[in-house]
Amino acid sequence: MSTRRIIVGISGATGFQYGYKALQLLQAMDVEVHLVISRGAEMTRTLETDYQKEEVLSMADVVHPLANLGASIASGSFKTLGMLIAPCSMRTLASVAHAMTDNLLTRAADVVLKDRRRLVLMARETPLNLAHLDNMRKVTEMGGIIFPPVPALYQRPQSLDDVITHSVGRALDLFDLEVKSLPRWGEPAFGHSASSPASHEQAWATQN
């Protein structure tokens, strides 16, 4: 594949900011971004953020209408690194788990799974019922990755943007797409303390 491509899907769960941040971080990388947004995501964009639709769409190289099941990303012959759905609603999760390809978002995810490419779902819901958990199990067994955006508090985030950036950056790691500025445990550039896992173990041993 001469051109590296990734599909970004934004579905209707709370957390439109995760999809926006993925688009923002991908702009600094040598990767072609294909975007598809659900109707529910359009609603959360207006309810949760001040982002303008045109601003969001301009961050992708190609924007695909949700109803266009003939789009390039609906075919396995169109090579990509895979697909990130950020955030992923429980409806979208269920559709992926049961291969219900009734729109381009879920069709593209199904294609990624059938061609054994990387599918990462930033699932947003709590608490989880048994149907949610069972759908997560099904997707995992099919090769997908369930990636709830859990805050990394060891990073000592200073803002909501820090929390979102870290979660999305770690999700992009799964496609071997590196966010250069992402703090990483045990590396010299890591945040607010020069301590290492080893020094934490020594401190714990001293205290106990």
C-alpha atoms as a PDB file:
ATOM      1  CA  MET A   1       0.000   0.000   0.000  1.00  0.00           C
ATOM      2  CA  SER A   2       1.805   3.110  -1.224  1.00  0.00           C
ATOM      3  CA  THR A   3      -0.588   5.530   0.502  1.00  0.00           C
ATOM      4  CA  ARG A   4      -1.251   4.923   4.176  1.00  0.00           C
ATOM      5  CA  ARG A   5      -4.941   5.393   4.913  1.00  0.00           C
ATOM      6  CA  ILE A   6      -7.078   5.231   8.038  1.00  0.00           C
ATOM      7  CA  ILE A   7     -10.848   5.398   8.452  1.00  0.00           C
ATOM      8  CA  VAL A   8     -12.220   7.515  11.279  1.00  0.00           C
ATOM      9  CA  GLY A   9     -15.816   6.933  12.264  1.00  0.00           C
ATOM     10  CA  ILE A  10     -17.670   9.154  14.714  1.00  0.00           C
ATOM     11  CA  SER A  11     -20.874   7.694  16.122  1.00  0.00           C
ATOM     12  CA  GLY A  12     -23.546   9.080  18.421  1.00  0.00           C
ATOM     13  CA  ALA A  13     -22.180   8.320  21.893  1.00  0.00           C
ATOM     14  CA  THR A  14     -21.260  11.193  24.155  1.00  0.00           C
ATOM     15  CA  GLY A  15     -17.691  12.306  23.467  1.00  0.00           C
ATOM     16  CA  PHE A  16     -17.637  13.823  19.994  1.00  0.00           C
ATOM     17  CA  GLN A  17     -14.410  15.431  21.201  1.00  0.00           C
ATOM     18  CA  TYR A  18     -12.605  12.089  20.854  1.00  0.00           C
ATOM     19  CA  GLY A  19     -13.314  11.920  17.151  1.00  0.00           C
ATOM     20  CA  TYR A  20     -12.380  15.554  16.714  1.00  0.00           C
ATOM     21  CA  LYS A  21      -9.088  15.003  18.540  1.00  0.00           C
ATOM     22  CA  ALA A  22      -8.300  11.977  16.362  1.00  0.00           C
ATOM     23  CA  LEU A  23      -8.759  14.112  13.244  1.00  0.00           C
ATOM     24  CA  GLN A  24      -6.618  16.848  14.773  1.00  0.00           C
ATOM     25  CA  LEU A  25      -3.747  14.514  15.670  1.00  0.00           C
ATOM     26  CA  LEU A  26      -3.848  12.728  12.325  1.00  0.00           C
ATOM     27  CA  GLN A  27      -3.339  16.009  10.489  1.00  0.00           C
ATOM     28  CA  ALA A  28       0.292  15.992  11.643  1.00  0.00           C
ATOM     29  CA  MET A  29       0.907  12.493  10.255  1.00  0.00           C
ATOM     30  CA  ASP A  30       1.620  11.149   6.803  1.00  0.00           C
ATOM     31  CA  VAL A  31      -1.702   9.346   6.511  1.00  0.00           C
ATOM     32  CA  GLU A  32      -4.804   9.831   4.364  1.00  0.00           C
ATOM     33  CA  VAL A  33      -7.893  10.205   6.541  1.00  0.00           C
ATOM     34  CA  HIS A  34     -11.323   8.955   5.459  1.00  0.00           C
ATOM     35  CA  LEU A  35     -14.170  10.198   7.638  1.00  0.00           C
ATOM     36  CA  VAL A  36     -17.748   9.005   8.140  1.00  0.00           C
ATOM     37  CA  ILE A  37     -20.091  10.547  10.735  1.00  0.00           C
ATOM     38  CA  SER A  38     -23.398   9.130  11.958  1.00  0.00           C
ATOM     39  CA  ARG A  39     -26.584  11.131  12.399  1.00  0.00           C
ATOM     40  CA  GLY A  40     -26.343  10.652  16.152  1.00  0.00           C
ATOM     41  CA  ALA A  41     -22.826  12.098  16.108  1.00  0.00           C
ATOM     42  CA  GLU A  42     -24.112  15.198  14.360  1.00  0.00           C
ATOM     43  CA  MET A  43     -26.530  15.639  17.252  1.00  0.00           C
ATOM     44  CA  THR A  44     -23.848  15.240  19.923  1.00  0.00           C
ATOM     45  CA  ARG A  45     -21.600  17.678  18.057  1.00  0.00           C
ATOM     46  CA  THR A  46     -24.224  20.396  18.382  1.00  0.00           C
ATOM     47  CA  LEU A  47     -25.134  19.502  21.976  1.00  0.00           C
ATOM     48  CA  GLU A  48     -21.645  18.996  23.425  1.00  0.00           C
ATOM     49  CA  THR A  49     -19.315  21.235  21.458  1.00  0.00           C
ATOM     50  CA  ASP A  50     -18.937  24.521  19.630  1.00  0.00           C
ATOM     51  CA  TYR A  51     -17.314  22.810  16.628  1.00  0.00           C
ATOM     52  CA  GLN A  52     -18.759  23.826  13.300  1.00  0.00           C
ATOM     53  CA  LYS A  53     -19.598  21.051  10.855  1.00  0.00           C
ATOM     54  CA  GLU A  54     -17.438  22.560   8.109  1.00  0.00           C
ATOM     55  CA  GLU A  55     -14.482  22.767  10.501  1.00  0.00           C
ATOM     56  CA  VAL A  56     -14.742  19.072  11.352  1.00  0.00           C
ATOM     57  CA  LEU A  57     -15.137  17.940   7.748  1.00  0.00           C
ATOM     58  CA  SER A  58     -12.172  20.026   6.602  1.00  0.00           C
ATOM     59  CA  MET A  59      -9.834  17.995   8.830  1.00  0.00           C
ATOM     60  CA  ALA A  60     -10.316  14.839   6.735  1.00  0.00           C
ATOM     61  CA  ASP A  61      -8.898  14.134   3.290  1.00  0.00           C
ATOM     62  CA  VAL A  62     -12.084  12.384   2.193  1.00  0.00           C
ATOM     63  CA  VAL A  63     -15.550  12.660   3.758  1.00  0.00           C
ATOM     64  CA  HIS A  64     -18.032   9.885   2.966  1.00  0.00           C
ATOM     65  CA  PRO A  65     -21.821  10.316   3.307  1.00  0.00           C
ATOM     66  CA  LEU A  66     -23.325   7.887   5.803  1.00  0.00           C
ATOM     67  CA  ALA A  67     -25.763   6.455   3.256  1.00  0.00           C
ATOM     68  CA  ASN A  68     -23.177   5.846   0.507  1.00  0.00           C
ATOM     69  CA  LEU A  69     -22.722   2.085   0.672  1.00  0.00           C
ATOM     70  CA  GLY A  70     -20.871   2.279  -2.633  1.00  0.00           C
ATOM     71  CA  ALA A  71     -18.026   4.328  -1.148  1.00  0.00           C
ATOM     72  CA  SER A  72     -14.412   3.177  -1.436  1.00  0.00           C
ATOM     73  CA  ILE A  73     -14.220   2.263   2.257  1.00  0.00           C
ATOM     74  CA  ALA A  74     -17.118  -0.182   1.778  1.00  0.00           C
ATOM     75  CA  SER A  75     -14.810  -2.482  -0.189  1.00  0.00           C
ATOM     76  CA  GLY A  76     -12.024  -4.678   1.099  1.00  0.00           C
ATOM     77  CA  SER A  77     -10.037  -4.023  -2.064  1.00  0.00           C
ATOM     78  CA  PHE A  78      -9.529  -0.457  -0.829  1.00  0.00           C
ATOM     79  CA  LYS A  79      -6.550  -0.904   1.467  1.00  0.00           C
ATOM     80  CA  THR A  80      -6.378   0.884   4.804  1.00  0.00           C
ATOM     81  CA  LEU A  81      -4.554   0.541   8.103  1.00  0.00           C
ATOM     82  CA  GLY A  82      -7.950  -0.039   9.650  1.00  0.00           C
ATOM     83  CA  MET A  83     -10.672   1.969  11.348  1.00  0.00           C
ATOM     84  CA  LEU A  84     -11.021   3.938  14.565  1.00  0.00           C
ATOM     85  CA  ILE A  85     -14.539   4.660  15.818  1.00  0.00           C
ATOM     86  CA  ALA A  86     -14.314   7.483  18.348  1.00  0.00           C
ATOM     87  CA  PRO A  87     -16.572   7.538  20.203  1.00  0.00           C
ATOM     88  CA  CYS A  88     -18.400   4.263  19.630  1.00  0.00           C
ATOM     89  CA  SER A  89     -22.030   4.115  20.748  1.00  0.00           C
ATOM     90  CA  MET A  90     -23.632   0.937  22.019  1.00  0.00           C
ATOM     91  CA  ARG A  91     -25.845   0.890  18.939  1.00  0.00           C
ATOM     92  CA  THR A  92     -22.811   0.965  16.657  1.00  0.00           C
ATOM     93  CA  LEU A  93     -21.100  -1.672  18.811  1.00  0.00           C
ATOM     94  CA  ALA A  94     -24.146  -3.927  18.510  1.00  0.00           C
ATOM     95  CA  SER A  95     -24.315  -3.428  14.748  1.00  0.00           C
ATOM     96  CA  VAL A  96     -20.643  -4.349  14.367  1.00  0.00           C
ATOM     97  CA  ALA A  97     -20.977  -7.350  16.685  1.00  0.00           C
ATOM     98  CA  HIS A  98     -23.890  -8.722  14.642  1.00  0.00           C
ATOM     99  CA  ALA A  99     -22.640  -7.675  11.163  1.00  0.00           C
ATOM    100  CA  MET A 100     -25.609  -5.346  10.624  1.00  0.00           C
ATOM    101  CA  THR A 101     -24.170  -3.212   7.827  1.00  0.00           C
ATOM    102  CA  ASP A 102     -27.089  -0.842   7.345  1.00  0.00           C
ATOM    103  CA  ASN A 103     -24.974   2.294   6.883  1.00  0.00           C
ATOM    104  CA  LEU A 104     -21.456   3.147   5.749  1.00  0.00           C
ATOM    105  CA  LEU A 105     -20.101   3.443   9.290  1.00  0.00           C
ATOM    106  CA  THR A 106     -21.001  -0.113  10.207  1.00  0.00           C
ATOM    107  CA  ARG A 107     -20.262  -1.452   6.709  1.00  0.00           C
ATOM    108  CA  ALA A 108     -16.731  -0.033   6.801  1.00  0.00           C
ATOM    109  CA  ALA A 109     -16.172  -1.589  10.239  1.00  0.00           C
ATOM    110  CA  ASP A 110     -17.420  -4.936   8.946  1.00  0.00           C
ATOM    111  CA  VAL A 111     -15.031  -4.735   5.980  1.00  0.00           C
ATOM    112  CA  VAL A 112     -12.109  -4.004   8.294  1.00  0.00           C
ATOM    113  CA  LEU A 113     -12.933  -7.089  10.358  1.00  0.00           C
ATOM    114  CA  LYS A 114     -13.467  -9.418   7.426  1.00  0.00           C
ATOM    115  CA  ASP A 115     -10.145  -8.381   5.878  1.00  0.00           C
ATOM    116  CA  ARG A 116      -8.361  -8.858   9.217  1.00  0.00           C
ATOM    117  CA  ARG A 117      -7.377  -5.214   9.602  1.00  0.00           C
ATOM    118  CA  ARG A 118      -7.299  -3.245  12.827  1.00  0.00           C
ATOM    119  CA  LEU A 119     -10.640  -2.076  14.247  1.00  0.00           C
ATOM    120  CA  VAL A 120     -10.536   0.020  17.429  1.00  0.00           C
ATOM    121  CA  LEU A 121     -13.773   1.013  19.149  1.00  0.00           C
ATOM    122  CA  MET A 122     -13.612   3.759  21.758  1.00  0.00           C
ATOM    123  CA  ALA A 123     -16.776   2.498  23.439  1.00  0.00           C
ATOM    124  CA  ARG A 124     -18.559   5.070  25.589  1.00  0.00           C
ATOM    125  CA  GLU A 125     -21.190   3.871  28.041  1.00  0.00           C
ATOM    126  CA  THR A 126     -21.512   3.256  31.752  1.00  0.00           C
ATOM    127  CA  PRO A 127     -22.675   1.239  33.532  1.00  0.00           C
ATOM    128  CA  LEU A 128     -22.585  -1.668  31.083  1.00  0.00           C
ATOM    129  CA  ASN A 129     -25.367  -4.225  30.859  1.00  0.00           C
ATOM    130  CA  LEU A 130     -24.930  -7.835  29.812  1.00  0.00           C
ATOM    131  CA  ALA A 131     -25.808  -7.104  26.159  1.00  0.00           C
ATOM    132  CA  HIS A 132     -23.058  -4.460  25.988  1.00  0.00           C
ATOM    133  CA  LEU A 133     -20.502  -6.827  27.509  1.00  0.00           C
ATOM    134  CA  ASP A 134     -21.549  -9.685  25.247  1.00  0.00           C
ATOM    135  CA  ASN A 135     -21.238  -7.460  22.164  1.00  0.00           C
ATOM    136  CA  MET A 136     -17.768  -6.403  23.295  1.00  0.00           C
ATOM    137  CA  ARG A 137     -16.832 -10.072  23.635  1.00  0.00           C
ATOM    138  CA  LYS A 138     -18.139 -10.835  20.144  1.00  0.00           C
ATOM    139  CA  VAL A 139     -16.170  -7.988  18.566  1.00  0.00           C
ATOM    140  CA  THR A 140     -13.028  -9.009  20.454  1.00  0.00           C
ATOM    141  CA  GLU A 141     -13.376 -12.608  19.271  1.00  0.00           C
ATOM    142  CA  MET A 142     -13.649 -11.289  15.694  1.00  0.00           C
ATOM    143  CA  GLY A 143     -10.346  -9.448  16.090  1.00  0.00           C
ATOM    144  CA  GLY A 144     -11.549  -5.981  17.047  1.00  0.00           C
ATOM    145  CA  ILE A 145     -10.208  -4.010  20.000  1.00  0.00           C
ATOM    146  CA  ILE A 146     -12.497  -2.456  22.591  1.00  0.00           C
ATOM    147  CA  PHE A 147     -10.792   0.689  23.842  1.00  0.00           C
ATOM    148  CA  PRO A 148     -12.849   2.607  26.421  1.00  0.00           C
ATOM    149  CA  PRO A 149     -11.297   6.084  26.823  1.00  0.00           C
ATOM    150  CA  VAL A 150     -10.300   5.649  30.470  1.00  0.00           C
ATOM    151  CA  PRO A 151      -8.373   8.651  31.871  1.00  0.00           C
ATOM    152  CA  ALA A 152      -4.690   7.992  32.580  1.00  0.00           C
ATOM    153  CA  LEU A 153      -4.451   9.779  35.926  1.00  0.00           C
ATOM    154  CA  TYR A 154      -0.812   8.734  36.432  1.00  0.00           C
ATOM    155  CA  GLN A 155      -0.098  11.342  33.761  1.00  0.00           C
ATOM    156  CA  ARG A 156      -1.440  14.034  36.124  1.00  0.00           C
ATOM    157  CA  PRO A 157      -3.460  15.722  33.380  1.00  0.00           C
ATOM    158  CA  GLN A 158      -3.777  19.484  33.729  1.00  0.00           C
ATOM    159  CA  SER A 159      -6.839  19.878  31.497  1.00  0.00           C
ATOM    160  CA  LEU A 160      -9.653  18.010  29.825  1.00  0.00           C
ATOM    161  CA  ASP A 161      -7.731  18.290  26.566  1.00  0.00           C
ATOM    162  CA  ASP A 162      -4.802  16.445  28.175  1.00  0.00           C
ATOM    163  CA  VAL A 163      -7.142  13.581  29.100  1.00  0.00           C
ATOM    164  CA  ILE A 164      -8.688  13.373  25.631  1.00  0.00           C
ATOM    165  CA  THR A 165      -5.342  13.666  23.836  1.00  0.00           C
ATOM    166  CA  HIS A 166      -3.793  10.864  25.855  1.00  0.00           C
ATOM    167  CA  SER A 167      -6.706   8.486  25.266  1.00  0.00           C
ATOM    168  CA  VAL A 168      -6.817   9.151  21.530  1.00  0.00           C
ATOM    169  CA  GLY A 169      -3.032   9.012  21.221  1.00  0.00           C
ATOM    170  CA  ARG A 170      -2.976   5.577  22.858  1.00  0.00           C
ATOM    171  CA  ALA A 171      -5.717   4.416  20.485  1.00  0.00           C
ATOM    172  CA  LEU A 172      -3.675   5.607  17.499  1.00  0.00           C
ATOM    173  CA  ASP A 173      -0.695   3.658  18.862  1.00  0.00           C
ATOM    174  CA  LEU A 174      -2.641   0.530  17.950  1.00  0.00           C
ATOM    175  CA  PHE A 175      -2.299   1.484  14.267  1.00  0.00           C
ATOM    176  CA  ASP A 176       1.444   2.193  14.707  1.00  0.00           C
ATOM    177  CA  LEU A 177       0.645   5.900  14.354  1.00  0.00           C
ATOM    178  CA  GLU A 178       2.696   7.761  16.928  1.00  0.00           C
ATOM    179  CA  VAL A 179       1.783  11.071  18.531  1.00  0.00           C
ATOM    180  CA  LYS A 180       5.246  12.516  19.160  1.00  0.00           C
ATOM    181  CA  SER A 181       4.272  14.671  22.124  1.00  0.00           C
ATOM    182  CA  LEU A 182       2.405  11.928  23.984  1.00  0.00           C
ATOM    183  CA  PRO A 183       3.784  11.410  27.518  1.00  0.00           C
ATOM    184  CA  ARG A 184       4.922   7.820  28.028  1.00  0.00           C
ATOM    185  CA  TRP A 185       5.672   6.112  31.311  1.00  0.00           C
ATOM    186  CA  GLY A 186       9.346   5.442  31.972  1.00  0.00           C
ATOM    187  CA  GLU A 187      10.633   7.846  29.319  1.00  0.00           C
ATOM    188  CA  PRO A 188      12.648  10.982  30.249  1.00  0.00           C
ATOM    189  CA  ALA A 189      10.049  13.314  28.755  1.00  0.00           C
ATOM    190  CA  PHE A 190       7.309  11.893  30.971  1.00  0.00           C
ATOM    191  CA  GLY A 191       5.386  14.633  32.738  1.00  0.00           C
ATOM    192  CA  HIS A 192       5.713  15.710  36.267  1.00  0.00           C
ATOM    193  CA  SER A 193       8.091  13.316  38.000  1.00  0.00           C
ATOM    194  CA  ALA A 194      11.510  11.866  37.260  1.00  0.00           C
ATOM    195  CA  SER A 195      10.554   8.729  39.158  1.00  0.00           C
ATOM    196  CA  SER A 196      10.444   5.392  37.377  1.00  0.00           C
ATOM    197  CA  PRO A 197       8.469   2.197  38.015  1.00  0.00           C
ATOM    198  CA  ALA A 198      11.571   0.828  39.761  1.00  0.00           C
ATOM    199  CA  SER A 199      11.768   3.779  42.156  1.00  0.00           C
ATOM    200  CA  HIS A 200       8.063   3.346  42.959  1.00  0.00           C
ATOM    201  CA  GLU A 201       8.734  -0.302  43.811  1.00  0.00           C
ATOM    202  CA  GLN A 202      11.621   0.736  46.083  1.00  0.00           C
ATOM    203  CA  ALA A 203       9.440   3.317  47.813  1.00  0.00           C
ATOM    204  CA  TRP A 204       6.695   0.766  48.315  1.00  0.00           C
ATOM    205  CA  ALA A 205       9.164  -1.744  49.749  1.00  0.00           C
ATOM    206  CA  THR A 206      10.472   0.903  52.183  1.00  0.00           C
ATOM    207  CA  GLN A 207       6.988   1.809  53.354  1.00  0.00           C
ATOM    208  CA  ASN A 208       5.873  -1.788  53.770  1.00  0.00           C
END
